[in-house]
Amino acid sequence: MRQYSISVRVYIEDTDAGGIVYYANYLKFMERARTECLRDANVDLDDWHRQHRRLFVVRRVTLDYHLPARYDDQLNVNANIMTFRPASIVMEQPIYRGDELLISSSVKLACVDADTLAPTAIPTSIREAMTCE
């Protein structure tokens, strides 16, 4: 399955008063990695939405905080596709600082009809693009 990683620098705006990354900002970093993973697979979410009238929505997130990230840290945020189902994808999204695991997480994305928000199948062309390395 596809594995992808982006580098993220921690800015002061990402931190709390103690200089530690505010817990919810890890979700933003993970969203960026998922978007870039799809972009790397030549999946343009705007075009996909217009052509197929489908969206990916976050269905479930599990997240464990192991170590804090701090101001000016350089992080590696991963987006690794682990499981494909007809209407969903599960991605592992660990976040590292060098070799240190800071966050372990799993995100389930559901494919839904853009008009009704009902679950719907992921188009074959999108599935093929996302599973190729």
Protein backbone atom coordinates (compact mmCIF):
# COMPACT_ATOMS: atom_id res chain seq x y z
CA MET A 1 0.00 0.00 0.00
CA ARG A 2 1.00 3.63 -0.43
CA GLN A 3 3.26 5.16 2.21
CA TYR A 4 3.95 8.86 2.37
CA SER A 5 5.67 11.34 4.67
CA ILE A 6 5.92 15.12 4.91
CA SER A 7 8.21 17.29 6.95
CA VAL A 8 6.58 19.86 9.25
CA ARG A 9 8.38 22.56 11.22
CA VAL A 10 6.73 23.49 14.53
CA TYR A 11 6.07 27.23 14.67
CA ILE A 12 5.21 29.31 17.71
CA GLU A 13 1.58 29.44 16.51
CA ASP A 14 1.42 25.63 16.88
CA THR A 15 2.34 25.70 20.57
CA ASP A 16 0.76 26.49 23.90
CA ALA A 17 2.15 28.90 26.50
CA GLY A 18 4.76 26.31 27.50
CA GLY A 19 6.16 25.96 23.97
CA ILE A 20 4.66 22.47 23.53
CA VAL A 21 2.54 21.63 20.47
CA TYR A 22 -1.13 22.07 21.34
CA TYR A 23 -2.71 18.61 21.17
CA ALA A 24 -5.29 19.42 18.46
CA ASN A 25 -2.61 20.73 16.08
CA TYR A 26 -1.34 17.20 15.50
CA LEU A 27 -4.65 16.56 13.70
CA LYS A 28 -3.89 19.50 11.38
CA PHE A 29 -0.43 18.08 10.63
CA MET A 30 -2.02 14.71 9.86
CA GLU A 31 -4.60 16.32 7.55
CA ARG A 32 -1.79 17.98 5.58
CA ALA A 33 0.01 14.65 5.20
CA ARG A 34 -3.15 12.91 3.96
CA THR A 35 -3.81 15.68 1.45
CA GLU A 36 -0.24 15.58 0.17
CA CYS A 37 -0.37 11.78 -0.04
CA LEU A 38 -3.41 12.06 -2.32
CA ARG A 39 -1.80 14.85 -4.33
CA ASP A 40 1.29 12.66 -4.78
CA ALA A 41 -1.04 9.96 -6.18
CA ASN A 42 -2.40 12.54 -8.68
CA VAL A 43 -5.74 12.67 -6.88
CA ASP A 44 -7.02 16.24 -6.98
CA LEU A 45 -9.74 16.40 -4.35
CA ASP A 46 -11.50 19.38 -5.98
CA ASP A 47 -11.65 17.66 -9.37
CA TRP A 48 -12.66 14.39 -7.74
CA HIS A 49 -15.50 16.13 -5.91
CA ARG A 50 -16.76 17.79 -9.12
CA GLN A 51 -16.45 14.68 -11.32
CA HIS A 52 -17.66 12.01 -8.93
CA ARG A 53 -19.72 14.00 -6.38
CA ARG A 54 -17.89 12.19 -3.59
CA LEU A 55 -15.94 13.34 -0.55
CA PHE A 56 -13.66 11.79 2.04
CA VAL A 57 -14.71 12.51 5.60
CA VAL A 58 -12.98 11.47 8.79
CA ARG A 59 -15.02 8.69 10.40
CA ARG A 60 -12.72 7.77 13.29
CA VAL A 61 -9.40 8.84 14.78
CA THR A 62 -7.42 6.97 17.39
CA LEU A 63 -4.41 8.80 18.71
CA ASP A 64 -1.83 8.12 21.41
CA TYR A 65 0.51 10.84 22.61
CA HIS A 66 3.94 9.41 23.53
CA LEU A 67 6.24 12.45 23.65
CA PRO A 68 5.63 16.17 23.15
CA ALA A 69 6.83 18.18 20.18
CA ARG A 70 8.17 21.65 20.90
CA TYR A 71 8.68 24.94 19.16
CA ASP A 72 11.13 24.68 16.22
CA ASP A 73 11.11 20.85 16.11
CA GLN A 74 11.25 19.27 12.67
CA LEU A 75 8.62 16.52 12.47
CA ASN A 76 7.98 13.73 9.99
CA VAL A 77 4.25 13.20 9.59
CA ASN A 78 3.29 9.97 7.85
CA ALA A 79 0.22 8.96 5.89
CA ASN A 80 0.33 5.23 5.22
CA ILE A 81 -2.64 3.54 3.60
CA MET A 82 -3.20 0.29 5.45
CA THR A 83 -6.67 -0.97 4.49
CA PHE A 84 -9.03 -0.34 1.59
CA ARG A 85 -12.69 -1.26 1.82
CA PRO A 86 -15.30 -0.46 -0.85
CA ALA A 87 -16.28 2.84 0.83
CA SER A 88 -13.48 3.50 3.31
CA ILE A 89 -9.73 3.73 3.86
CA VAL A 90 -7.74 3.22 7.05
CA MET A 91 -4.45 5.09 7.33
CA GLU A 92 -1.74 4.89 9.95
CA GLN A 93 -0.36 8.34 10.71
CA PRO A 94 2.57 8.20 13.11
CA ILE A 95 4.51 11.39 13.79
CA TYR A 96 8.23 11.29 14.48
CA ARG A 97 10.95 13.69 15.54
CA GLY A 98 14.00 11.97 14.10
CA ASP A 99 13.76 8.39 15.37
CA GLU A 100 11.49 9.29 18.30
CA LEU A 101 7.85 8.28 17.98
CA LEU A 102 5.78 11.19 19.27
CA ILE A 103 2.30 10.20 18.10
CA SER A 104 0.81 6.90 16.98
CA SER A 105 -2.52 7.18 15.24
CA SER A 106 -5.00 5.59 12.92
CA VAL A 107 -7.56 7.44 10.80
CA LYS A 108 -10.56 5.91 9.07
CA LEU A 109 -11.83 7.91 6.10
CA ALA A 110 -15.29 7.26 4.70
CA CYS A 111 -16.20 7.98 1.11
CA VAL A 112 -19.58 9.71 0.99
CA ASP A 113 -21.93 11.12 -1.61
CA ALA A 114 -21.39 14.90 -1.62
CA ASP A 115 -25.11 15.65 -1.75
CA THR A 116 -26.57 13.11 0.69
CA LEU A 117 -23.48 12.31 2.80
CA ALA A 118 -24.43 8.64 2.52
CA PRO A 119 -21.57 6.12 2.28
CA THR A 120 -20.68 5.28 -1.30
CA ALA A 121 -18.05 3.29 -3.15
CA ILE A 122 -14.63 4.75 -3.87
CA PRO A 123 -14.27 4.99 -7.68
CA THR A 124 -11.94 2.38 -9.18
CA SER A 125 -9.70 5.04 -10.75
CA ILE A 126 -9.16 6.69 -7.36
CA ARG A 127 -8.55 3.33 -5.65
CA GLU A 128 -5.96 2.38 -8.29
CA ALA A 129 -4.17 5.74 -8.04
CA MET A 130 -4.01 5.52 -4.26
CA THR A 131 -2.71 1.95 -4.07
CA CYS A 132 0.11 2.39 -6.60
CA GLU A 133 3.54 3.31 -5.26
